[in-house]
Amino acid sequence: MKEINASVAIQILPNVKDGDELIRVVDEVIAYIKSKNLKTNVGPFETTIEGNYEELMEIVKECQYIAVKSGASGAMSYIKINYKPNGNLLTIDEKINKHK
């Protein structure tokens, strides 16, 4: 199993003409994130991913490119990073399972 020393919450707001197009582009970004096979939680405002810090930073970077490749003229991104180099990170499940 890969080291889990970080979690990232990312919100991508693509520059597009309407709401349907926004949803389509965001769905492309989410599909890319899910393709990385990391623990992921998709919420109404952001997607949270946990894993190795370096891998997560590459995913964050690629999300901008995916949005543009999917038709957006650009993208505004909001990112939260929780990094603990020695591990001992609260996981997505530890944070939300009690609310399910």
PDB file of N, CA and C in Angstrom:
ATOM      1  N   MET A   1       0.840  -1.203   0.000  1.00  0.00           N
ATOM      2  CA  MET A   1       0.000   0.000   0.000  1.00  0.00           C
ATOM      3  C   MET A   1       0.874   1.252   0.000  1.00  0.00           C
ATOM      4  N   LYS A   2       0.454   2.245  -0.757  1.00  0.00           N
ATOM      5  CA  LYS A   2       1.208   3.480  -0.837  1.00  0.00           C
ATOM      6  C   LYS A   2       1.070   4.263   0.465  1.00  0.00           C
ATOM      7  N   GLU A   3       2.092   5.054   0.732  1.00  0.00           N
ATOM      8  CA  GLU A   3       2.113   5.906   1.909  1.00  0.00           C
ATOM      9  C   GLU A   3       0.992   6.952   1.829  1.00  0.00           C
ATOM     10  N   ILE A   4       0.282   7.124   2.933  1.00  0.00           N
ATOM     11  CA  ILE A   4      -0.736   8.174   3.012  1.00  0.00           C
ATOM     12  C   ILE A   4      -0.214   9.220   3.990  1.00  0.00           C
ATOM     13  N   ASN A   5       0.230  10.344   3.435  1.00  0.00           N
ATOM     14  CA  ASN A   5       0.727  11.412   4.287  1.00  0.00           C
ATOM     15  C   ASN A   5       0.098  12.758   3.956  1.00  0.00           C
ATOM     16  N   ALA A   6      -0.969  12.716   3.140  1.00  0.00           N
ATOM     17  CA  ALA A   6      -1.612  13.970   2.768  1.00  0.00           C
ATOM     18  C   ALA A   6      -3.046  13.723   2.312  1.00  0.00           C
ATOM     19  N   SER A   7      -3.847  14.749   2.462  1.00  0.00           N
ATOM     20  CA  SER A   7      -5.167  14.770   1.844  1.00  0.00           C
ATOM     21  C   SER A   7      -5.338  16.136   1.201  1.00  0.00           C
ATOM     22  N   VAL A   8      -6.081  16.134   0.102  1.00  0.00           N
ATOM     23  CA  VAL A   8      -6.287  17.348  -0.678  1.00  0.00           C
ATOM     24  C   VAL A   8      -7.765  17.466  -0.999  1.00  0.00           C
ATOM     25  N   ALA A   9      -8.302  18.653  -0.816  1.00  0.00           N
ATOM     26  CA  ALA A   9      -9.658  18.957  -1.271  1.00  0.00           C
ATOM     27  C   ALA A   9      -9.509  19.941  -2.426  1.00  0.00           C
ATOM     28  N   ILE A  10     -10.109  19.612  -3.562  1.00  0.00           N
ATOM     29  CA  ILE A  10      -9.966  20.461  -4.740  1.00  0.00           C
ATOM     30  C   ILE A  10     -11.336  20.800  -5.314  1.00  0.00           C
ATOM     31  N   GLN A  11     -11.510  22.076  -5.590  1.00  0.00           N
ATOM     32  CA  GLN A  11     -12.710  22.570  -6.251  1.00  0.00           C
ATOM     33  C   GLN A  11     -12.258  23.232  -7.550  1.00  0.00           C
ATOM     34  N   ILE A  12     -12.758  22.735  -8.664  1.00  0.00           N
ATOM     35  CA  ILE A  12     -12.432  23.290  -9.983  1.00  0.00           C
ATOM     36  C   ILE A  12     -13.646  24.055 -10.497  1.00  0.00           C
ATOM     37  N   LEU A  13     -13.434  25.297 -10.871  1.00  0.00           N
ATOM     38  CA  LEU A  13     -14.497  26.117 -11.463  1.00  0.00           C
ATOM     39  C   LEU A  13     -14.066  26.491 -12.881  1.00  0.00           C
ATOM     40  N   PRO A  14     -14.483  25.684 -13.860  1.00  0.00           N
ATOM     41  CA  PRO A  14     -14.065  25.949 -15.242  1.00  0.00           C
ATOM     42  C   PRO A  14     -14.743  27.187 -15.811  1.00  0.00           C
ATOM     43  N   ASN A  15     -14.012  27.897 -16.641  1.00  0.00           N
ATOM     44  CA  ASN A  15     -14.576  29.038 -17.375  1.00  0.00           C
ATOM     45  C   ASN A  15     -15.298  28.492 -18.601  1.00  0.00           C
ATOM     46  N   VAL A  16     -16.615  28.424 -18.495  1.00  0.00           N
ATOM     47  CA  VAL A  16     -17.448  27.898 -19.579  1.00  0.00           C
ATOM     48  C   VAL A  16     -18.690  28.770 -19.721  1.00  0.00           C
ATOM     49  N   LYS A  17     -19.491  28.485 -20.761  1.00  0.00           N
ATOM     50  CA  LYS A  17     -20.614  29.368 -21.085  1.00  0.00           C
ATOM     51  C   LYS A  17     -21.869  29.153 -20.240  1.00  0.00           C
ATOM     52  N   ASP A  18     -22.101  27.931 -19.716  1.00  0.00           N
ATOM     53  CA  ASP A  18     -23.334  27.705 -18.963  1.00  0.00           C
ATOM     54  C   ASP A  18     -23.178  26.565 -17.952  1.00  0.00           C
ATOM     55  N   GLY A  19     -24.219  26.363 -17.183  1.00  0.00           N
ATOM     56  CA  GLY A  19     -24.206  25.361 -16.126  1.00  0.00           C
ATOM     57  C   GLY A  19     -24.039  23.935 -16.615  1.00  0.00           C
ATOM     58  N   ASP A  20     -24.684  23.608 -17.734  1.00  0.00           N
ATOM     59  CA  ASP A  20     -24.549  22.252 -18.267  1.00  0.00           C
ATOM     60  C   ASP A  20     -23.107  21.970 -18.663  1.00  0.00           C
ATOM     61  N   GLU A  21     -22.474  22.948 -19.271  1.00  0.00           N
ATOM     62  CA  GLU A  21     -21.078  22.800 -19.688  1.00  0.00           C
ATOM     63  C   GLU A  21     -20.168  22.720 -18.462  1.00  0.00           C
ATOM     64  N   LEU A  22     -20.469  23.504 -17.444  1.00  0.00           N
ATOM     65  CA  LEU A  22     -19.692  23.461 -16.202  1.00  0.00           C
ATOM     66  C   LEU A  22     -19.734  22.058 -15.608  1.00  0.00           C
ATOM     67  N   ILE A  23     -20.918  21.483 -15.518  1.00  0.00           N
ATOM     68  CA  ILE A  23     -21.063  20.138 -14.956  1.00  0.00           C
ATOM     69  C   ILE A  23     -20.310  19.115 -15.802  1.00  0.00           C
ATOM     70  N   ARG A  24     -20.391  19.229 -17.119  1.00  0.00           N
ATOM     71  CA  ARG A  24     -19.697  18.287 -17.997  1.00  0.00           C
ATOM     72  C   ARG A  24     -18.187  18.332 -17.776  1.00  0.00           C
ATOM     73  N   VAL A  25     -17.622  19.534 -17.700  1.00  0.00           N
ATOM     74  CA  VAL A  25     -16.175  19.674 -17.517  1.00  0.00           C
ATOM     75  C   VAL A  25     -15.768  19.184 -16.133  1.00  0.00           C
ATOM     76  N   VAL A  26     -16.516  19.555 -15.104  1.00  0.00           N
ATOM     77  CA  VAL A  26     -16.205  19.087 -13.749  1.00  0.00           C
ATOM     78  C   VAL A  26     -16.276  17.563 -13.698  1.00  0.00           C
ATOM     79  N   ASP A  27     -17.251  16.978 -14.364  1.00  0.00           N
ATOM     80  CA  ASP A  27     -17.351  15.510 -14.407  1.00  0.00           C
ATOM     81  C   ASP A  27     -16.108  14.881 -15.046  1.00  0.00           C
ATOM     82  N   GLU A  28     -15.556  15.524 -16.055  1.00  0.00           N
ATOM     83  CA  GLU A  28     -14.318  15.031 -16.680  1.00  0.00           C
ATOM     84  C   GLU A  28     -13.157  15.071 -15.678  1.00  0.00           C
ATOM     85  N   VAL A  29     -13.080  16.142 -14.916  1.00  0.00           N
ATOM     86  CA  VAL A  29     -12.021  16.260 -13.904  1.00  0.00           C
ATOM     87  C   VAL A  29     -12.200  15.191 -12.837  1.00  0.00           C
ATOM     88  N   ILE A  30     -13.428  14.993 -12.377  1.00  0.00           N
ATOM     89  CA  ILE A  30     -13.699  13.970 -11.355  1.00  0.00           C
ATOM     90  C   ILE A  30     -13.371  12.578 -11.891  1.00  0.00           C
ATOM     91  N   ALA A  31     -13.696  12.306 -13.137  1.00  0.00           N
ATOM     92  CA  ALA A  31     -13.364  11.001 -13.734  1.00  0.00           C
ATOM     93  C   ALA A  31     -11.851  10.788 -13.730  1.00  0.00           C
ATOM     94  N   TYR A  32     -11.104  11.826 -14.050  1.00  0.00           N
ATOM     95  CA  TYR A  32      -9.645  11.725 -14.009  1.00  0.00           C
ATOM     96  C   TYR A  32      -9.172  11.409 -12.589  1.00  0.00           C
ATOM     97  N   ILE A  33      -9.685  12.149 -11.616  1.00  0.00           N
ATOM     98  CA  ILE A  33      -9.282  11.916 -10.218  1.00  0.00           C
ATOM     99  C   ILE A  33      -9.584  10.476  -9.814  1.00  0.00           C
ATOM    100  N   LYS A  34     -10.774  10.005 -10.124  1.00  0.00           N
ATOM    101  CA  LYS A  34     -11.160   8.635  -9.765  1.00  0.00           C
ATOM    102  C   LYS A  34     -10.287   7.599 -10.470  1.00  0.00           C
ATOM    103  N   SER A  35      -9.794   7.922 -11.654  1.00  0.00           N
ATOM    104  CA  SER A  35      -8.963   6.975 -12.400  1.00  0.00           C
ATOM    105  C   SER A  35      -7.640   6.701 -11.697  1.00  0.00           C
ATOM    106  N   LYS A  36      -7.265   7.533 -10.748  1.00  0.00           N
ATOM    107  CA  LYS A  36      -6.006   7.360 -10.030  1.00  0.00           C
ATOM    108  C   LYS A  36      -6.120   6.296  -8.930  1.00  0.00           C
ATOM    109  N   ASN A  37      -7.330   5.805  -8.691  1.00  0.00           N
ATOM    110  CA  ASN A  37      -7.582   4.720  -7.726  1.00  0.00           C
ATOM    111  C   ASN A  37      -7.085   5.018  -6.315  1.00  0.00           C
ATOM    112  N   LEU A  38      -7.267   6.247  -5.888  1.00  0.00           N
ATOM    113  CA  LEU A  38      -6.976   6.639  -4.521  1.00  0.00           C
ATOM    114  C   LEU A  38      -8.293   6.796  -3.766  1.00  0.00           C
ATOM    115  N   LYS A  39      -8.231   6.837  -2.458  1.00  0.00           N
ATOM    116  CA  LYS A  39      -9.432   7.080  -1.664  1.00  0.00           C
ATOM    117  C   LYS A  39      -9.934   8.478  -2.019  1.00  0.00           C
ATOM    118  N   THR A  40     -11.189   8.550  -2.469  1.00  0.00           N
ATOM    119  CA  THR A  40     -11.770   9.799  -2.960  1.00  0.00           C
ATOM    120  C   THR A  40     -13.169   9.974  -2.395  1.00  0.00           C
ATOM    121  N   ASN A  41     -13.520  11.200  -2.085  1.00  0.00           N
ATOM    122  CA  ASN A  41     -14.876  11.528  -1.664  1.00  0.00           C
ATOM    123  C   ASN A  41     -15.334  12.737  -2.477  1.00  0.00           C
ATOM    124  N   VAL A  42     -16.381  12.537  -3.290  1.00  0.00           N
ATOM    125  CA  VAL A  42     -16.923  13.622  -4.102  1.00  0.00           C
ATOM    126  C   VAL A  42     -18.059  14.275  -3.331  1.00  0.00           C
ATOM    127  N   GLY A  43     -17.931  15.568  -3.102  1.00  0.00           N
ATOM    128  CA  GLY A  43     -18.968  16.328  -2.417  1.00  0.00           C
ATOM    129  C   GLY A  43     -19.572  17.347  -3.364  1.00  0.00           C
ATOM    130  N   PRO A  44     -20.563  18.100  -2.898  1.00  0.00           N
ATOM    131  CA  PRO A  44     -21.236  19.057  -3.781  1.00  0.00           C
ATOM    132  C   PRO A  44     -20.375  20.262  -4.159  1.00  0.00           C
ATOM    133  N   PHE A  45     -19.320  20.537  -3.388  1.00  0.00           N
ATOM    134  CA  PHE A  45     -18.483  21.702  -3.673  1.00  0.00           C
ATOM    135  C   PHE A  45     -17.041  21.356  -4.000  1.00  0.00           C
ATOM    136  N   GLU A  46     -16.573  20.198  -3.550  1.00  0.00           N
ATOM    137  CA  GLU A  46     -15.177  19.828  -3.751  1.00  0.00           C
ATOM    138  C   GLU A  46     -15.016  18.319  -3.702  1.00  0.00           C
ATOM    139  N   THR A  47     -13.892  17.867  -4.213  1.00  0.00           N
ATOM    140  CA  THR A  47     -13.544  16.451  -4.170  1.00  0.00           C
ATOM    141  C   THR A  47     -12.315  16.313  -3.292  1.00  0.00           C
ATOM    142  N   THR A  48     -12.360  15.367  -2.363  1.00  0.00           N
ATOM    143  CA  THR A  48     -11.248  15.122  -1.453  1.00  0.00           C
ATOM    144  C   THR A  48     -10.558  13.827  -1.848  1.00  0.00           C
ATOM    145  N   ILE A  49      -9.240  13.858  -1.822  1.00  0.00           N
ATOM    146  CA  ILE A  49      -8.417  12.703  -2.190  1.00  0.00           C
ATOM    147  C   ILE A  49      -7.364  12.531  -1.096  1.00  0.00           C
ATOM    148  N   GLU A  50      -7.017  11.277  -0.782  1.00  0.00           N
ATOM    149  CA  GLU A  50      -5.917  11.073   0.156  1.00  0.00           C
ATOM    150  C   GLU A  50      -4.886  10.126  -0.453  1.00  0.00           C
ATOM    151  N   GLY A  51      -3.637  10.347  -0.089  1.00  0.00           N
ATOM    152  CA  GLY A  51      -2.560   9.521  -0.613  1.00  0.00           C
ATOM    153  C   GLY A  51      -1.215  10.125  -0.292  1.00  0.00           C
ATOM    154  N   ASN A  52      -0.259   9.893  -1.180  1.00  0.00           N
ATOM    155  CA  ASN A  52       1.091  10.429  -1.044  1.00  0.00           C
ATOM    156  C   ASN A  52       1.116  11.868  -1.556  1.00  0.00           C
ATOM    157  N   TYR A  53       1.752  12.740  -0.799  1.00  0.00           N
ATOM    158  CA  TYR A  53       1.782  14.167  -1.115  1.00  0.00           C
ATOM    159  C   TYR A  53       2.221  14.446  -2.554  1.00  0.00           C
ATOM    160  N   GLU A  54       3.331  13.854  -2.976  1.00  0.00           N
ATOM    161  CA  GLU A  54       3.853  14.117  -4.318  1.00  0.00           C
ATOM    162  C   GLU A  54       2.848  13.717  -5.393  1.00  0.00           C
ATOM    163  N   GLU A  55       2.222  12.552  -5.227  1.00  0.00           N
ATOM    164  CA  GLU A  55       1.228  12.093  -6.202  1.00  0.00           C
ATOM    165  C   GLU A  55       0.010  13.020  -6.219  1.00  0.00           C
ATOM    166  N   LEU A  56      -0.419  13.460  -5.051  1.00  0.00           N
ATOM    167  CA  LEU A  56      -1.576  14.360  -4.977  1.00  0.00           C
ATOM    168  C   LEU A  56      -1.283  15.697  -5.662  1.00  0.00           C
ATOM    169  N   MET A  57      -0.071  16.208  -5.518  1.00  0.00           N
ATOM    170  CA  MET A  57       0.272  17.478  -6.154  1.00  0.00           C
ATOM    171  C   MET A  57       0.264  17.336  -7.678  1.00  0.00           C
ATOM    172  N   GLU A  58       0.674  16.188  -8.185  1.00  0.00           N
ATOM    173  CA  GLU A  58       0.602  15.948  -9.628  1.00  0.00           C
ATOM    174  C   GLU A  58      -0.856  15.903 -10.096  1.00  0.00           C
ATOM    175  N   ILE A  59      -1.722  15.295  -9.299  1.00  0.00           N
ATOM    176  CA  ILE A  59      -3.146  15.232  -9.634  1.00  0.00           C
ATOM    177  C   ILE A  59      -3.735  16.640  -9.655  1.00  0.00           C
ATOM    178  N   VAL A  60      -3.422  17.432  -8.643  1.00  0.00           N
ATOM    179  CA  VAL A  60      -3.917  18.821  -8.580  1.00  0.00           C
ATOM    180  C   VAL A  60      -3.488  19.574  -9.830  1.00  0.00           C
ATOM    181  N   LYS A  61      -2.237  19.438 -10.215  1.00  0.00           N
ATOM    182  CA  LYS A  61      -1.728  20.124 -11.405  1.00  0.00           C
ATOM    183  C   LYS A  61      -2.476  19.665 -12.660  1.00  0.00           C
ATOM    184  N   GLU A  62      -2.654  18.372 -12.794  1.00  0.00           N
ATOM    185  CA  GLU A  62      -3.289  17.821 -13.993  1.00  0.00           C
ATOM    186  C   GLU A  62      -4.758  18.225 -14.108  1.00  0.00           C
ATOM    187  N   CYS A  63      -5.422  18.453 -12.991  1.00  0.00           N
ATOM    188  CA  CYS A  63      -6.846  18.834 -13.020  1.00  0.00           C
ATOM    189  C   CYS A  63      -7.069  20.101 -13.840  1.00  0.00           C
ATOM    190  N   GLN A  64      -6.133  21.038 -13.792  1.00  0.00           N
ATOM    191  CA  GLN A  64      -6.275  22.270 -14.579  1.00  0.00           C
ATOM    192  C   GLN A  64      -6.233  21.940 -16.068  1.00  0.00           C
ATOM    193  N   TYR A  65      -5.284  21.079 -16.444  1.00  0.00           N
ATOM    194  CA  TYR A  65      -5.139  20.690 -17.850  1.00  0.00           C
ATOM    195  C   TYR A  65      -6.366  19.928 -18.345  1.00  0.00           C
ATOM    196  N   ILE A  66      -6.900  19.055 -17.504  1.00  0.00           N
ATOM    197  CA  ILE A  66      -8.090  18.282 -17.880  1.00  0.00           C
ATOM    198  C   ILE A  66      -9.254  19.228 -18.162  1.00  0.00           C
ATOM    199  N   ALA A  67      -9.443  20.233 -17.307  1.00  0.00           N
ATOM    200  CA  ALA A  67     -10.534  21.187 -17.503  1.00  0.00           C
ATOM    201  C   ALA A  67     -10.406  21.887 -18.856  1.00  0.00           C
ATOM    202  N   VAL A  68      -9.206  22.318 -19.197  1.00  0.00           N
ATOM    203  CA  VAL A  68      -8.992  23.018 -20.470  1.00  0.00           C
ATOM    204  C   VAL A  68      -9.136  22.048 -21.644  1.00  0.00           C
ATOM    205  N   LYS A  69      -8.574  20.845 -21.526  1.00  0.00           N
ATOM    206  CA  LYS A  69      -8.713  19.853 -22.595  1.00  0.00           C
ATOM    207  C   LYS A  69     -10.177  19.483 -22.825  1.00  0.00           C
ATOM    208  N   SER A  70     -11.006  19.653 -21.789  1.00  0.00           N
ATOM    209  CA  SER A  70     -12.425  19.308 -21.886  1.00  0.00           C
ATOM    210  C   SER A  70     -13.269  20.456 -22.411  1.00  0.00           C
ATOM    211  N   GLY A  71     -12.636  21.587 -22.738  1.00  0.00           N
ATOM    212  CA  GLY A  71     -13.366  22.669 -23.372  1.00  0.00           C
ATOM    213  C   GLY A  71     -13.422  23.984 -22.626  1.00  0.00           C
ATOM    214  N   ALA A  72     -12.953  24.044 -21.402  1.00  0.00           N
ATOM    215  CA  ALA A  72     -12.956  25.310 -20.667  1.00  0.00           C
ATOM    216  C   ALA A  72     -11.841  26.207 -21.201  1.00  0.00           C
ATOM    217  N   SER A  73     -12.081  27.515 -21.192  1.00  0.00           N
ATOM    218  CA  SER A  73     -11.033  28.439 -21.623  1.00  0.00           C
ATOM    219  C   SER A  73      -9.986  28.637 -20.531  1.00  0.00           C
ATOM    220  N   GLY A  74     -10.316  28.239 -19.331  1.00  0.00           N
ATOM    221  CA  GLY A  74      -9.431  28.324 -18.169  1.00  0.00           C
ATOM    222  C   GLY A  74     -10.171  27.750 -16.980  1.00  0.00           C
ATOM    223  N   ALA A  75      -9.532  27.759 -15.825  1.00  0.00           N
ATOM    224  CA  ALA A  75     -10.189  27.235 -14.632  1.00  0.00           C
ATOM    225  C   ALA A  75      -9.650  27.927 -13.385  1.00  0.00           C
ATOM    226  N   MET A  76     -10.547  28.224 -12.482  1.00  0.00           N
ATOM    227  CA  MET A  76     -10.183  28.719 -11.162  1.00  0.00           C
ATOM    228  C   MET A  76     -10.242  27.512 -10.238  1.00  0.00           C
ATOM    229  N   SER A  77      -9.216  27.336  -9.423  1.00  0.00           N
ATOM    230  CA  SER A  77      -9.179  26.179  -8.529  1.00  0.00           C
ATOM    231  C   SER A  77      -8.939  26.621  -7.098  1.00  0.00           C
ATOM    232  N   TYR A  78      -9.648  25.987  -6.200  1.00  0.00           N
ATOM    233  CA  TYR A  78      -9.482  26.216  -4.774  1.00  0.00           C
ATOM    234  C   TYR A  78      -9.022  24.904  -4.165  1.00  0.00           C
ATOM    235  N   ILE A  79      -7.915  24.964  -3.440  1.00  0.00           N
ATOM    236  CA  ILE A  79      -7.298  23.739  -2.956  1.00  0.00           C
ATOM    237  C   ILE A  79      -6.978  23.870  -1.469  1.00  0.00           C
ATOM    238  N   LYS A  80      -7.313  22.809  -0.737  1.00  0.00           N
ATOM    239  CA  LYS A  80      -6.929  22.688   0.672  1.00  0.00           C
ATOM    240  C   LYS A  80      -5.996  21.492   0.765  1.00  0.00           C
ATOM    241  N   ILE A  81      -4.901  21.657   1.481  1.00  0.00           N
ATOM    242  CA  ILE A  81      -3.923  20.582   1.612  1.00  0.00           C
ATOM    243  C   ILE A  81      -3.661  20.319   3.085  1.00  0.00           C
ATOM    244  N   ASN A  82      -3.739  19.044   3.465  1.00  0.00           N
ATOM    245  CA  ASN A  82      -3.344  18.604   4.799  1.00  0.00           C
ATOM    246  C   ASN A  82      -2.165  17.667   4.597  1.00  0.00           C
ATOM    247  N   TYR A  83      -0.994  18.092   5.035  1.00  0.00           N
ATOM    248  CA  TYR A  83       0.236  17.329   4.810  1.00  0.00           C
ATOM    249  C   TYR A  83       0.885  16.999   6.143  1.00  0.00           C
ATOM    250  N   LYS A  84       1.128  15.737   6.363  1.00  0.00           N
ATOM    251  CA  LYS A  84       1.831  15.272   7.559  1.00  0.00           C
ATOM    252  C   LYS A  84       2.914  14.298   7.098  1.00  0.00           C
ATOM    253  N   PRO A  85       4.144  14.772   6.957  1.00  0.00           N
ATOM    254  CA  PRO A  85       5.198  13.944   6.376  1.00  0.00           C
ATOM    255  C   PRO A  85       5.432  12.626   7.104  1.00  0.00           C
ATOM    256  N   ASN A  86       5.130  12.561   8.376  1.00  0.00           N
ATOM    257  CA  ASN A  86       5.333  11.328   9.138  1.00  0.00           C
ATOM    258  C   ASN A  86       4.081  10.480   9.224  1.00  0.00           C
ATOM    259  N   GLY A  87       3.082  10.789   8.420  1.00  0.00           N
ATOM    260  CA  GLY A  87       1.838  10.016   8.428  1.00  0.00           C
ATOM    261  C   GLY A  87       0.939  10.451   9.572  1.00  0.00           C
ATOM    262  N   ASN A  88       0.186   9.491  10.128  1.00  0.00           N
ATOM    263  CA  ASN A  88      -0.740   9.767  11.224  1.00  0.00           C
ATOM    264  C   ASN A  88      -1.764  10.830  10.838  1.00  0.00           C
ATOM    265  N   LEU A  89      -2.243  10.727   9.631  1.00  0.00           N
ATOM    266  CA  LEU A  89      -3.203  11.660   9.072  1.00  0.00           C
ATOM    267  C   LEU A  89      -4.618  11.154   9.350  1.00  0.00           C
ATOM    268  N   LEU A  90      -5.514  12.021   9.757  1.00  0.00           N
ATOM    269  CA  LEU A  90      -6.913  11.620   9.868  1.00  0.00           C
ATOM    270  C   LEU A  90      -7.419  11.326   8.461  1.00  0.00           C
ATOM    271  N   THR A  91      -7.978  10.145   8.269  1.00  0.00           N
ATOM    272  CA  THR A  91      -8.423   9.740   6.936  1.00  0.00           C
ATOM    273  C   THR A  91      -9.811  10.304   6.628  1.00  0.00           C
ATOM    274  N   ILE A  92     -10.188  10.207   5.374  1.00  0.00           N
ATOM    275  CA  ILE A  92     -11.522  10.611   4.954  1.00  0.00           C
ATOM    276  C   ILE A  92     -12.561   9.839   5.765  1.00  0.00           C
ATOM    277  N   ASP A  93     -12.376   8.519   5.863  1.00  0.00           N
ATOM    278  CA  ASP A  93     -13.345   7.692   6.597  1.00  0.00           C
ATOM    279  C   ASP A  93     -13.446   8.107   8.065  1.00  0.00           C
ATOM    280  N   GLU A  94     -12.335   8.387   8.704  1.00  0.00           N
ATOM    281  CA  GLU A  94     -12.369   8.803  10.118  1.00  0.00           C
ATOM    282  C   GLU A  94     -13.131  10.118  10.281  1.00  0.00           C
ATOM    283  N   LYS A  95     -13.071  10.959   9.282  1.00  0.00           N
ATOM    284  CA  LYS A  95     -13.723  12.257   9.364  1.00  0.00           C
ATOM    285  C   LYS A  95     -15.222  12.181   9.085  1.00  0.00           C
ATOM    286  N   ILE A  96     -15.663  11.296   8.178  1.00  0.00           N
ATOM    287  CA  ILE A  96     -17.059  11.382   7.746  1.00  0.00           C
ATOM    288  C   ILE A  96     -17.926  10.173   8.022  1.00  0.00           C
ATOM    289  N   ASN A  97     -17.352   9.005   8.312  1.00  0.00           N
ATOM    290  CA  ASN A  97     -18.189   7.809   8.477  1.00  0.00           C
ATOM    291  C   ASN A  97     -19.265   7.971   9.538  1.00  0.00           C
ATOM    292  N   LYS A  98     -18.992   8.689  10.593  1.00  0.00           N
ATOM    293  CA  LYS A  98     -19.997   8.869  11.655  1.00  0.00           C
ATOM    294  C   LYS A  98     -21.206   9.674  11.172  1.00  0.00           C
ATOM    295  N   HIS A  99     -21.074  10.342  10.047  1.00  0.00           N
ATOM    296  CA  HIS A  99     -22.167  11.153   9.509  1.00  0.00           C
ATOM    297  C   HIS A  99     -22.982  10.452   8.434  1.00  0.00           C
ATOM    298  N   LYS A 100     -22.626   9.225   8.128  1.00  0.00           N
ATOM    299  CA  LYS A 100     -23.346   8.495   7.076  1.00  0.00           C
ATOM    300  C   LYS A 100     -24.574   7.818   7.633  1.00  0.00           C
TER     301      LYS A 100
END
